[in-house]
Amino acid sequence: MAQKVILVADPGIDTAFAVALALHDPDLDVVGLVASAGNIPADRATQNVHLLINAIDPPKWPRLGAALPVRYEVDGTKLHGPDGLGNIELPPVSLHQPTPGDKTIVDLVRLYPREVTVIVLGPATVLARAFDRDPELPPLIERIVFLGGAWRVPGNVTAVTEFHFYCDPEAARQVLRCGTPITLIPLDAARKLVFSPTDLLELPAPDSATCMFLRKIVPYGIRASSNLYGIEGFHLKDVLGVAAVSLPTKFTLEPAHVDVEVRGELTRGMSVVDTRPAPAGSPNADLVTNVDVVGVRDYIHATLSRAR
């Protein structure tokens, strides 16, 4: 039976790529797609989720949740474009289901108790708000896969802070402390998957709506990555969130006690992994320490080969 998942997305080029994979993966049943501010503002995130679903037009549409009206100090428009999707022109869409994202999460988890994995590909705000709305929700979630934090590598916003944790450190801490089993994918692992211009040319099913869409949005990210970071390719970080659910054997995990700094002038949003022999608390996350990148690349190719 396919694993039911809710995707929390702040699309975002790599987020759009991850959503496309999930929608074509026969081992995943995407029951919900919840927009989140992050790479782009909240209203744009909600619009992008609808644009993405319309462009891909999957056989089964997930329930859509609108982004909460929050504002963060940073965004990802330098990397993803002013619209978050590579600054391409897409036909306008109507907003089909303006249900708030936190309510969407609560409703779906209550509908499928202990069956749903929540994949957080953006800031954790909307999931934390869902916990505020329904404090009994955490034990009803099968697992949370969370893209966030930086352990042994520098941050990508400050010297020590990763983007998703920087946007809302309090929400990240609340999720890490919720008691639900968590797979945490920090920058250490997330940066391992780089999608090159050659990879783009070799995308399967070139005539499918999905791959034509990806070929439109990814080049912007590749060019921006070259200008900003000097790398030949684009980090498909969010793809790892989907892959971690579909093929968990390709990921090396280490149980760890992880917390988030919420006060420091220089360290606010820093992920703190307690590796002492006697840590401050018992492990609250399975920390991804390594990824079989070849296996994930094979997964991308096999999954997108199913696109029509």
C-alpha atoms as a PDB file:
ATOM      1  CA  MET A   1       0.000   0.000   0.000  1.00  0.00           C
ATOM      2  CA  ALA A   2       1.283   3.446  -0.891  1.00  0.00           C
ATOM      3  CA  GLN A   3       2.498   5.620   1.972  1.00  0.00           C
ATOM      4  CA  LYS A   4       0.197   8.572   2.599  1.00  0.00           C
ATOM      5  CA  VAL A   5       2.079  11.875   2.762  1.00  0.00           C
ATOM      6  CA  ILE A   6       1.356  15.547   3.288  1.00  0.00           C
ATOM      7  CA  LEU A   7       3.847  17.893   1.635  1.00  0.00           C
ATOM      8  CA  VAL A   8       4.542  21.299   3.193  1.00  0.00           C
ATOM      9  CA  ALA A   9       6.001  23.307   0.322  1.00  0.00           C
ATOM     10  CA  ASP A  10       7.405  26.793  -0.250  1.00  0.00           C
ATOM     11  CA  PRO A  11       7.865  26.459  -4.042  1.00  0.00           C
ATOM     12  CA  GLY A  12      10.775  27.113  -4.883  1.00  0.00           C
ATOM     13  CA  ILE A  13      12.398  25.310  -7.842  1.00  0.00           C
ATOM     14  CA  ASP A  14      13.736  22.325  -5.906  1.00  0.00           C
ATOM     15  CA  THR A  15      10.456  22.168  -3.976  1.00  0.00           C
ATOM     16  CA  ALA A  16       8.514  22.013  -7.241  1.00  0.00           C
ATOM     17  CA  PHE A  17      10.829  19.226  -8.411  1.00  0.00           C
ATOM     18  CA  ALA A  18      10.196  17.304  -5.181  1.00  0.00           C
ATOM     19  CA  VAL A  19       6.426  17.724  -5.476  1.00  0.00           C
ATOM     20  CA  ALA A  20       6.536  16.501  -9.083  1.00  0.00           C
ATOM     21  CA  LEU A  21       8.396  13.371  -8.001  1.00  0.00           C
ATOM     22  CA  ALA A  22       6.000  12.651  -5.162  1.00  0.00           C
ATOM     23  CA  LEU A  23       2.978  12.982  -7.434  1.00  0.00           C
ATOM     24  CA  HIS A  24       4.414  10.410  -9.865  1.00  0.00           C
ATOM     25  CA  ASP A  25       5.767   7.965  -7.280  1.00  0.00           C
ATOM     26  CA  PRO A  26       3.505   4.874  -7.103  1.00  0.00           C
ATOM     27  CA  ASP A  27       4.757   4.174  -3.587  1.00  0.00           C
ATOM     28  CA  LEU A  28       3.451   7.535  -2.315  1.00  0.00           C
ATOM     29  CA  ASP A  29      -0.109   8.764  -1.944  1.00  0.00           C
ATOM     30  CA  VAL A  30       0.038  12.556  -1.712  1.00  0.00           C
ATOM     31  CA  VAL A  31      -3.123  13.316   0.233  1.00  0.00           C
ATOM     32  CA  GLY A  32      -2.231  16.941   0.965  1.00  0.00           C
ATOM     33  CA  LEU A  33      -0.116  19.745  -0.467  1.00  0.00           C
ATOM     34  CA  VAL A  34       0.178  22.708   1.902  1.00  0.00           C
ATOM     35  CA  ALA A  35       1.687  25.995   0.776  1.00  0.00           C
ATOM     36  CA  SER A  36       4.137  27.846   2.999  1.00  0.00           C
ATOM     37  CA  ALA A  37       5.934  31.150   2.846  1.00  0.00           C
ATOM     38  CA  GLY A  38       9.703  30.791   2.711  1.00  0.00           C
ATOM     39  CA  ASN A  39      11.356  31.008  -0.676  1.00  0.00           C
ATOM     40  CA  ILE A  40       8.565  33.405  -1.625  1.00  0.00           C
ATOM     41  CA  PRO A  41       5.875  35.346   0.280  1.00  0.00           C
ATOM     42  CA  ALA A  42       2.764  33.556   1.501  1.00  0.00           C
ATOM     43  CA  ASP A  43       0.347  34.712  -1.194  1.00  0.00           C
ATOM     44  CA  ARG A  44       2.813  33.739  -3.913  1.00  0.00           C
ATOM     45  CA  ALA A  45       3.379  30.348  -2.286  1.00  0.00           C
ATOM     46  CA  THR A  46      -0.343  29.570  -2.417  1.00  0.00           C
ATOM     47  CA  GLN A  47      -0.462  30.665  -6.044  1.00  0.00           C
ATOM     48  CA  ASN A  48       2.608  28.572  -6.914  1.00  0.00           C
ATOM     49  CA  VAL A  49       1.106  25.431  -5.404  1.00  0.00           C
ATOM     50  CA  HIS A  50      -1.919  25.851  -7.670  1.00  0.00           C
ATOM     51  CA  LEU A  51       0.250  26.672 -10.696  1.00  0.00           C
ATOM     52  CA  LEU A  52       2.354  23.598 -10.015  1.00  0.00           C
ATOM     53  CA  ILE A  53      -0.602  21.237  -9.741  1.00  0.00           C
ATOM     54  CA  ASN A  54      -2.157  22.668 -12.894  1.00  0.00           C
ATOM     55  CA  ALA A  55       1.095  22.327 -14.833  1.00  0.00           C
ATOM     56  CA  ILE A  56       1.664  18.715 -13.761  1.00  0.00           C
ATOM     57  CA  ASP A  57      -2.024  17.716 -13.730  1.00  0.00           C
ATOM     58  CA  PRO A  58      -1.531  14.448 -11.812  1.00  0.00           C
ATOM     59  CA  PRO A  59      -4.130  11.653 -12.077  1.00  0.00           C
ATOM     60  CA  LYS A  60      -5.115  12.281  -8.461  1.00  0.00           C
ATOM     61  CA  TRP A  61      -5.107  15.794  -7.057  1.00  0.00           C
ATOM     62  CA  PRO A  62      -4.177  16.208  -3.393  1.00  0.00           C
ATOM     63  CA  ARG A  63      -6.107  18.419  -1.033  1.00  0.00           C
ATOM     64  CA  LEU A  64      -4.538  21.885  -1.170  1.00  0.00           C
ATOM     65  CA  GLY A  65      -3.870  24.138   1.807  1.00  0.00           C
ATOM     66  CA  ALA A  66      -3.248  27.884   1.653  1.00  0.00           C
ATOM     67  CA  ALA A  67      -0.132  29.457   3.149  1.00  0.00           C
ATOM     68  CA  LEU A  68      -0.543  31.197   6.481  1.00  0.00           C
ATOM     69  CA  PRO A  69      -0.120  35.001   6.282  1.00  0.00           C
ATOM     70  CA  VAL A  70       3.320  35.120   7.884  1.00  0.00           C
ATOM     71  CA  ARG A  71       6.376  37.145   6.893  1.00  0.00           C
ATOM     72  CA  TYR A  72       9.984  36.090   7.356  1.00  0.00           C
ATOM     73  CA  GLU A  73      13.122  38.216   7.380  1.00  0.00           C
ATOM     74  CA  VAL A  74      14.620  36.346   4.402  1.00  0.00           C
ATOM     75  CA  ASP A  75      13.458  34.753   1.166  1.00  0.00           C
ATOM     76  CA  GLY A  76      14.919  32.685  -1.656  1.00  0.00           C
ATOM     77  CA  THR A  77      14.151  34.860  -4.655  1.00  0.00           C
ATOM     78  CA  LYS A  78      17.824  35.356  -5.591  1.00  0.00           C
ATOM     79  CA  LEU A  79      18.092  31.617  -6.176  1.00  0.00           C
ATOM     80  CA  HIS A  80      14.566  30.808  -7.363  1.00  0.00           C
ATOM     81  CA  GLY A  81      13.503  34.000  -9.135  1.00  0.00           C
ATOM     82  CA  PRO A  82      10.997  36.707  -8.155  1.00  0.00           C
ATOM     83  CA  ASP A  83       8.100  34.290  -8.636  1.00  0.00           C
ATOM     84  CA  GLY A  84       9.885  31.320  -7.049  1.00  0.00           C
ATOM     85  CA  LEU A  85       9.577  29.221 -10.208  1.00  0.00           C
ATOM     86  CA  GLY A  86      12.396  30.518 -12.368  1.00  0.00           C
ATOM     87  CA  ASN A  87      10.531  33.625 -13.509  1.00  0.00           C
ATOM     88  CA  ILE A  88       8.633  31.726 -16.203  1.00  0.00           C
ATOM     89  CA  GLU A  89       5.238  32.701 -17.547  1.00  0.00           C
ATOM     90  CA  LEU A  90       2.411  30.348 -16.634  1.00  0.00           C
ATOM     91  CA  PRO A  91      -1.297  30.823 -17.309  1.00  0.00           C
ATOM     92  CA  PRO A  92      -3.170  32.234 -14.306  1.00  0.00           C
ATOM     93  CA  VAL A  93      -5.153  29.826 -12.150  1.00  0.00           C
ATOM     94  CA  SER A  94      -8.018  30.161  -9.717  1.00  0.00           C
ATOM     95  CA  LEU A  95      -7.402  29.209  -6.094  1.00  0.00           C
ATOM     96  CA  HIS A  96      -9.416  26.027  -5.749  1.00  0.00           C
ATOM     97  CA  GLN A  97      -9.261  25.407  -2.003  1.00  0.00           C
ATOM     98  CA  PRO A  98      -8.350  28.388   0.180  1.00  0.00           C
ATOM     99  CA  THR A  99      -8.477  26.315   3.389  1.00  0.00           C
ATOM    100  CA  PRO A 100      -5.710  27.449   5.795  1.00  0.00           C
ATOM    101  CA  GLY A 101      -2.745  25.099   5.731  1.00  0.00           C
ATOM    102  CA  ASP A 102      -2.776  24.296   9.442  1.00  0.00           C
ATOM    103  CA  LYS A 103      -6.430  23.236   9.251  1.00  0.00           C
ATOM    104  CA  THR A 104      -5.680  21.127   6.175  1.00  0.00           C
ATOM    105  CA  ILE A 105      -2.989  19.245   8.098  1.00  0.00           C
ATOM    106  CA  VAL A 106      -5.258  18.682  11.098  1.00  0.00           C
ATOM    107  CA  ASP A 107      -8.155  17.489   8.948  1.00  0.00           C
ATOM    108  CA  LEU A 108      -6.042  15.029   6.948  1.00  0.00           C
ATOM    109  CA  VAL A 109      -4.208  13.576   9.935  1.00  0.00           C
ATOM    110  CA  ARG A 110      -7.527  13.152  11.732  1.00  0.00           C
ATOM    111  CA  LEU A 111      -8.930  11.474   8.609  1.00  0.00           C
ATOM    112  CA  TYR A 112      -5.971   9.062   8.411  1.00  0.00           C
ATOM    113  CA  PRO A 113      -4.703   8.684  12.000  1.00  0.00           C
ATOM    114  CA  ARG A 114      -1.243   7.085  12.301  1.00  0.00           C
ATOM    115  CA  GLU A 115      -1.082   6.632   8.526  1.00  0.00           C
ATOM    116  CA  VAL A 116       0.387   9.936   7.336  1.00  0.00           C
ATOM    117  CA  THR A 117       3.989  11.092   7.029  1.00  0.00           C
ATOM    118  CA  VAL A 118       4.361  14.882   6.932  1.00  0.00           C
ATOM    119  CA  ILE A 119       7.252  16.021   4.719  1.00  0.00           C
ATOM    120  CA  VAL A 120       8.284  19.567   5.657  1.00  0.00           C
ATOM    121  CA  LEU A 121      10.100  21.159   2.702  1.00  0.00           C
ATOM    122  CA  GLY A 122       9.903  24.698   4.074  1.00  0.00           C
ATOM    123  CA  PRO A 123       9.775  26.491   7.426  1.00  0.00           C
ATOM    124  CA  ALA A 124       7.944  24.568  10.145  1.00  0.00           C
ATOM    125  CA  THR A 125       5.472  27.350  10.984  1.00  0.00           C
ATOM    126  CA  VAL A 126       2.363  25.746   9.514  1.00  0.00           C
ATOM    127  CA  LEU A 127       3.011  22.394  11.205  1.00  0.00           C
ATOM    128  CA  ALA A 128       3.617  24.101  14.551  1.00  0.00           C
ATOM    129  CA  ARG A 129       0.354  26.016  14.072  1.00  0.00           C
ATOM    130  CA  ALA A 130      -1.411  22.715  13.367  1.00  0.00           C
ATOM    131  CA  PHE A 131      -0.115  21.459  16.729  1.00  0.00           C
ATOM    132  CA  ASP A 132      -1.422  24.639  18.381  1.00  0.00           C
ATOM    133  CA  ARG A 133      -4.794  24.124  16.720  1.00  0.00           C
ATOM    134  CA  ASP A 134      -4.940  20.468  17.805  1.00  0.00           C
ATOM    135  CA  PRO A 135      -2.525  19.638  20.672  1.00  0.00           C
ATOM    136  CA  GLU A 136      -3.402  15.933  20.399  1.00  0.00           C
ATOM    137  CA  LEU A 137      -2.171  15.761  16.796  1.00  0.00           C
ATOM    138  CA  PRO A 138       1.534  14.751  17.156  1.00  0.00           C
ATOM    139  CA  PRO A 139       0.959  11.089  18.171  1.00  0.00           C
ATOM    140  CA  LEU A 140      -1.472  10.710  15.259  1.00  0.00           C
ATOM    141  CA  ILE A 141       1.291  11.457  12.714  1.00  0.00           C
ATOM    142  CA  GLU A 142       3.284   8.407  11.648  1.00  0.00           C
ATOM    143  CA  ARG A 143       6.519  10.329  10.994  1.00  0.00           C
ATOM    144  CA  ILE A 144       7.798  13.795  10.158  1.00  0.00           C
ATOM    145  CA  VAL A 145      10.540  14.260   7.562  1.00  0.00           C
ATOM    146  CA  PHE A 146      12.025  17.720   8.046  1.00  0.00           C
ATOM    147  CA  LEU A 147      14.487  19.487   5.736  1.00  0.00           C
ATOM    148  CA  GLY A 148      16.334  21.812   8.047  1.00  0.00           C
ATOM    149  CA  GLY A 149      19.320  22.663  10.163  1.00  0.00           C
ATOM    150  CA  ALA A 150      23.065  22.470   9.652  1.00  0.00           C
ATOM    151  CA  TRP A 151      25.301  20.256  11.761  1.00  0.00           C
ATOM    152  CA  ARG A 152      28.957  20.132  10.728  1.00  0.00           C
ATOM    153  CA  VAL A 153      28.739  22.577   7.824  1.00  0.00           C
ATOM    154  CA  PRO A 154      28.166  26.345   7.714  1.00  0.00           C
ATOM    155  CA  GLY A 155      24.659  27.710   7.455  1.00  0.00           C
ATOM    156  CA  ASN A 156      23.242  29.217   4.277  1.00  0.00           C
ATOM    157  CA  VAL A 157      21.763  32.335   5.924  1.00  0.00           C
ATOM    158  CA  THR A 158      24.225  33.070   8.730  1.00  0.00           C
ATOM    159  CA  ALA A 159      27.485  31.385   9.634  1.00  0.00           C
ATOM    160  CA  VAL A 160      25.606  28.750  11.632  1.00  0.00           C
ATOM    161  CA  THR A 161      21.957  28.892  10.561  1.00  0.00           C
ATOM    162  CA  GLU A 162      20.111  27.070   7.787  1.00  0.00           C
ATOM    163  CA  PHE A 163      17.297  28.843   5.917  1.00  0.00           C
ATOM    164  CA  HIS A 164      14.262  26.925   7.216  1.00  0.00           C
ATOM    165  CA  PHE A 165      15.412  27.101  10.837  1.00  0.00           C
ATOM    166  CA  TYR A 166      16.283  30.790  10.454  1.00  0.00           C
ATOM    167  CA  CYS A 167      12.790  31.662   9.192  1.00  0.00           C
ATOM    168  CA  ASP A 168      11.072  30.343  12.328  1.00  0.00           C
ATOM    169  CA  PRO A 169      13.370  28.893  15.015  1.00  0.00           C
ATOM    170  CA  GLU A 170      10.535  28.610  17.532  1.00  0.00           C
ATOM    171  CA  ALA A 171       8.468  26.478  15.161  1.00  0.00           C
ATOM    172  CA  ALA A 172      11.461  24.270  14.353  1.00  0.00           C
ATOM    173  CA  ARG A 173      12.049  23.738  18.073  1.00  0.00           C
ATOM    174  CA  GLN A 174       8.358  22.997  18.679  1.00  0.00           C
ATOM    175  CA  VAL A 175       8.328  20.340  15.957  1.00  0.00           C
ATOM    176  CA  LEU A 176      11.550  18.736  17.191  1.00  0.00           C
ATOM    177  CA  ARG A 177      10.058  18.534  20.685  1.00  0.00           C
ATOM    178  CA  CYS A 178       6.636  17.204  19.625  1.00  0.00           C
ATOM    179  CA  GLY A 179       7.369  13.515  20.267  1.00  0.00           C
ATOM    180  CA  THR A 180       6.532  12.275  16.753  1.00  0.00           C
ATOM    181  CA  PRO A 181       9.303  10.195  15.113  1.00  0.00           C
ATOM    182  CA  ILE A 182      11.375  12.613  13.023  1.00  0.00           C
ATOM    183  CA  THR A 183      13.836  12.201  10.180  1.00  0.00           C
ATOM    184  CA  LEU A 184      15.922  15.390  10.024  1.00  0.00           C
ATOM    185  CA  ILE A 185      17.845  16.162   6.830  1.00  0.00           C
ATOM    186  CA  PRO A 186      20.396  18.912   7.545  1.00  0.00           C
ATOM    187  CA  LEU A 187      22.416  20.860   4.995  1.00  0.00           C
ATOM    188  CA  ASP A 188      25.268  18.395   5.499  1.00  0.00           C
ATOM    189  CA  ALA A 189      23.256  15.785   3.585  1.00  0.00           C
ATOM    190  CA  ALA A 190      20.950  18.033   1.570  1.00  0.00           C
ATOM    191  CA  ARG A 191      23.820  19.594  -0.387  1.00  0.00           C
ATOM    192  CA  LYS A 192      25.020  16.241  -1.698  1.00  0.00           C
ATOM    193  CA  LEU A 193      22.500  16.082  -4.560  1.00  0.00           C
ATOM    194  CA  VAL A 194      23.517  18.469  -7.347  1.00  0.00           C
ATOM    195  CA  PHE A 195      21.513  18.573 -10.580  1.00  0.00           C
ATOM    196  CA  SER A 196      23.698  19.590 -13.520  1.00  0.00           C
ATOM    197  CA  PRO A 197      22.886  20.957 -16.992  1.00  0.00           C
ATOM    198  CA  THR A 198      23.617  17.464 -18.329  1.00  0.00           C
ATOM    199  CA  ASP A 199      21.114  15.971 -15.889  1.00  0.00           C
ATOM    200  CA  LEU A 200      18.530  18.427 -17.168  1.00  0.00           C
ATOM    201  CA  LEU A 201      19.114  17.363 -20.770  1.00  0.00           C
ATOM    202  CA  GLU A 202      18.783  13.708 -19.779  1.00  0.00           C
ATOM    203  CA  LEU A 203      15.418  14.015 -18.041  1.00  0.00           C
ATOM    204  CA  PRO A 204      13.188  11.137 -19.196  1.00  0.00           C
ATOM    205  CA  ALA A 205       9.731  11.452 -20.772  1.00  0.00           C
ATOM    206  CA  PRO A 206      10.663  14.718 -22.525  1.00  0.00           C
ATOM    207  CA  ASP A 207       7.174  15.202 -23.961  1.00  0.00           C
ATOM    208  CA  SER A 208       5.379  14.832 -20.631  1.00  0.00           C
ATOM    209  CA  ALA A 209       3.798  17.894 -19.041  1.00  0.00           C
ATOM    210  CA  THR A 210       5.881  17.323 -15.910  1.00  0.00           C
ATOM    211  CA  CYS A 211       9.268  17.184 -17.600  1.00  0.00           C
ATOM    212  CA  MET A 212       8.477  20.094 -19.893  1.00  0.00           C
ATOM    213  CA  PHE A 213       7.600  22.100 -16.790  1.00  0.00           C
ATOM    214  CA  LEU A 214      10.829  21.103 -15.018  1.00  0.00           C
ATOM    215  CA  ARG A 215      12.877  21.995 -18.091  1.00  0.00           C
ATOM    216  CA  LYS A 216      11.408  25.489 -17.922  1.00  0.00           C
ATOM    217  CA  ILE A 217      12.071  26.208 -14.246  1.00  0.00           C
ATOM    218  CA  VAL A 218      15.370  24.442 -13.459  1.00  0.00           C
ATOM    219  CA  PRO A 219      17.706  26.450 -15.774  1.00  0.00           C
ATOM    220  CA  TYR A 220      17.127  29.585 -13.673  1.00  0.00           C
ATOM    221  CA  GLY A 221      18.299  27.732 -10.570  1.00  0.00           C
ATOM    222  CA  ILE A 222      21.370  26.392 -12.356  1.00  0.00           C
ATOM    223  CA  ARG A 223      22.375  29.875 -13.543  1.00  0.00           C
ATOM    224  CA  ALA A 224      21.691  31.440 -10.150  1.00  0.00           C
ATOM    225  CA  SER A 225      23.715  28.740  -8.376  1.00  0.00           C
ATOM    226  CA  SER A 226      26.651  29.415 -10.676  1.00  0.00           C
ATOM    227  CA  ASN A 227      26.468  33.154  -9.991  1.00  0.00           C
ATOM    228  CA  LEU A 228      25.853  32.883  -6.235  1.00  0.00           C
ATOM    229  CA  TYR A 229      27.888  29.827  -5.251  1.00  0.00           C
ATOM    230  CA  GLY A 230      30.185  29.086  -8.179  1.00  0.00           C
ATOM    231  CA  ILE A 231      28.879  25.537  -8.644  1.00  0.00           C
ATOM    232  CA  GLU A 232      27.995  23.782 -11.888  1.00  0.00           C
ATOM    233  CA  GLY A 233      24.485  22.696 -11.037  1.00  0.00           C
ATOM    234  CA  PHE A 234      21.570  23.204  -8.674  1.00  0.00           C
ATOM    235  CA  HIS A 235      21.091  21.628  -5.247  1.00  0.00           C
ATOM    236  CA  LEU A 236      17.905  19.530  -5.309  1.00  0.00           C
ATOM    237  CA  LYS A 237      17.709  19.618  -1.521  1.00  0.00           C
ATOM    238  CA  ASP A 238      13.961  19.141  -1.197  1.00  0.00           C
ATOM    239  CA  VAL A 239      13.999  16.068  -3.424  1.00  0.00           C
ATOM    240  CA  LEU A 240      15.749  14.265  -0.577  1.00  0.00           C
ATOM    241  CA  GLY A 241      12.706  14.802   1.648  1.00  0.00           C
ATOM    242  CA  VAL A 242      10.552  12.803  -0.750  1.00  0.00           C
ATOM    243  CA  ALA A 243      13.248  10.216  -1.440  1.00  0.00           C
ATOM    244  CA  ALA A 244      13.760   9.623   2.287  1.00  0.00           C
ATOM    245  CA  VAL A 245      10.186   8.331   2.499  1.00  0.00           C
ATOM    246  CA  SER A 246      10.152   6.361  -0.739  1.00  0.00           C
ATOM    247  CA  LEU A 247      13.574   4.706  -0.430  1.00  0.00           C
ATOM    248  CA  PRO A 248      14.768   4.995   3.172  1.00  0.00           C
ATOM    249  CA  THR A 249      17.534   2.408   2.695  1.00  0.00           C
ATOM    250  CA  LYS A 250      19.478   4.991   0.660  1.00  0.00           C
ATOM    251  CA  PHE A 251      19.868   7.189   3.746  1.00  0.00           C
ATOM    252  CA  THR A 252      22.247   6.715   6.677  1.00  0.00           C
ATOM    253  CA  LEU A 253      20.650   7.759   9.962  1.00  0.00           C
ATOM    254  CA  GLU A 254      22.073   8.560  13.380  1.00  0.00           C
ATOM    255  CA  PRO A 255      19.757   8.980  16.386  1.00  0.00           C
ATOM    256  CA  ALA A 256      20.505  12.299  18.056  1.00  0.00           C
ATOM    257  CA  HIS A 257      19.175  14.872  20.475  1.00  0.00           C
ATOM    258  CA  VAL A 258      18.649  18.034  18.430  1.00  0.00           C
ATOM    259  CA  ASP A 259      17.524  21.444  19.653  1.00  0.00           C
ATOM    260  CA  VAL A 260      17.292  24.914  18.116  1.00  0.00           C
ATOM    261  CA  GLU A 261      18.725  28.146  19.488  1.00  0.00           C
ATOM    262  CA  VAL A 262      15.953  30.752  19.669  1.00  0.00           C
ATOM    263  CA  ARG A 263      17.636  33.702  21.421  1.00  0.00           C
ATOM    264  CA  GLY A 264      21.244  34.170  20.370  1.00  0.00           C
ATOM    265  CA  GLU A 265      22.180  37.408  18.649  1.00  0.00           C
ATOM    266  CA  LEU A 266      24.609  35.551  16.371  1.00  0.00           C
ATOM    267  CA  THR A 267      23.210  32.034  16.658  1.00  0.00           C
ATOM    268  CA  ARG A 268      19.410  32.382  16.479  1.00  0.00           C
ATOM    269  CA  GLY A 269      18.109  29.426  14.445  1.00  0.00           C
ATOM    270  CA  MET A 270      21.249  27.352  14.943  1.00  0.00           C
ATOM    271  CA  SER A 271      20.656  23.609  15.171  1.00  0.00           C
ATOM    272  CA  VAL A 272      22.385  22.142  18.222  1.00  0.00           C
ATOM    273  CA  VAL A 273      23.209  18.432  17.971  1.00  0.00           C
ATOM    274  CA  ASP A 274      24.229  17.091  21.367  1.00  0.00           C
ATOM    275  CA  THR A 275      26.951  14.501  20.705  1.00  0.00           C
ATOM    276  CA  ARG A 276      28.215  14.265  24.286  1.00  0.00           C
ATOM    277  CA  PRO A 277      28.397  10.803  25.876  1.00  0.00           C
ATOM    278  CA  ALA A 278      25.579  11.935  28.190  1.00  0.00           C
ATOM    279  CA  PRO A 279      23.433  14.327  26.094  1.00  0.00           C
ATOM    280  CA  ALA A 280      20.882  16.695  27.612  1.00  0.00           C
ATOM    281  CA  GLY A 281      18.021  14.516  26.426  1.00  0.00           C
ATOM    282  CA  SER A 282      17.210  11.267  24.692  1.00  0.00           C
ATOM    283  CA  PRO A 283      17.301  11.180  20.873  1.00  0.00           C
ATOM    284  CA  ASN A 284      14.398  13.076  19.329  1.00  0.00           C
ATOM    285  CA  ALA A 285      15.399  12.767  15.673  1.00  0.00           C
ATOM    286  CA  ASP A 286      17.026  10.403  13.224  1.00  0.00           C
ATOM    287  CA  LEU A 287      19.668  12.659  11.715  1.00  0.00           C
ATOM    288  CA  VAL A 288      20.595  11.946   8.092  1.00  0.00           C
ATOM    289  CA  THR A 289      24.384  11.770   7.910  1.00  0.00           C
ATOM    290  CA  ASN A 290      24.850  10.355   4.407  1.00  0.00           C
ATOM    291  CA  VAL A 291      22.903   9.761   1.205  1.00  0.00           C
ATOM    292  CA  ASP A 292      23.350   7.273  -1.634  1.00  0.00           C
ATOM    293  CA  VAL A 293      23.284   9.943  -4.329  1.00  0.00           C
ATOM    294  CA  VAL A 294      23.490   7.423  -7.175  1.00  0.00           C
ATOM    295  CA  GLY A 295      20.461   5.630  -5.771  1.00  0.00           C
ATOM    296  CA  VAL A 296      18.523   8.895  -5.532  1.00  0.00           C
ATOM    297  CA  ARG A 297      19.448   9.814  -9.104  1.00  0.00           C
ATOM    298  CA  ASP A 298      18.169   6.423 -10.271  1.00  0.00           C
ATOM    299  CA  TYR A 299      14.971   7.089  -8.326  1.00  0.00           C
ATOM    300  CA  ILE A 300      14.497  10.457 -10.045  1.00  0.00           C
ATOM    301  CA  HIS A 301      14.936   8.901 -13.485  1.00  0.00           C
ATOM    302  CA  ALA A 302      12.670   5.928 -12.785  1.00  0.00           C
ATOM    303  CA  THR A 303       9.933   8.068 -11.254  1.00  0.00           C
ATOM    304  CA  LEU A 304       9.874  10.732 -13.955  1.00  0.00           C
ATOM    305  CA  SER A 305       9.860   8.009 -16.617  1.00  0.00           C
ATOM    306  CA  ARG A 306       6.274   7.395 -15.502  1.00  0.00           C
ATOM    307  CA  ALA A 307       5.231  10.970 -16.255  1.00  0.00           C
ATOM    308  CA  ARG A 308       2.803  11.457 -19.102  1.00  0.00           C
END
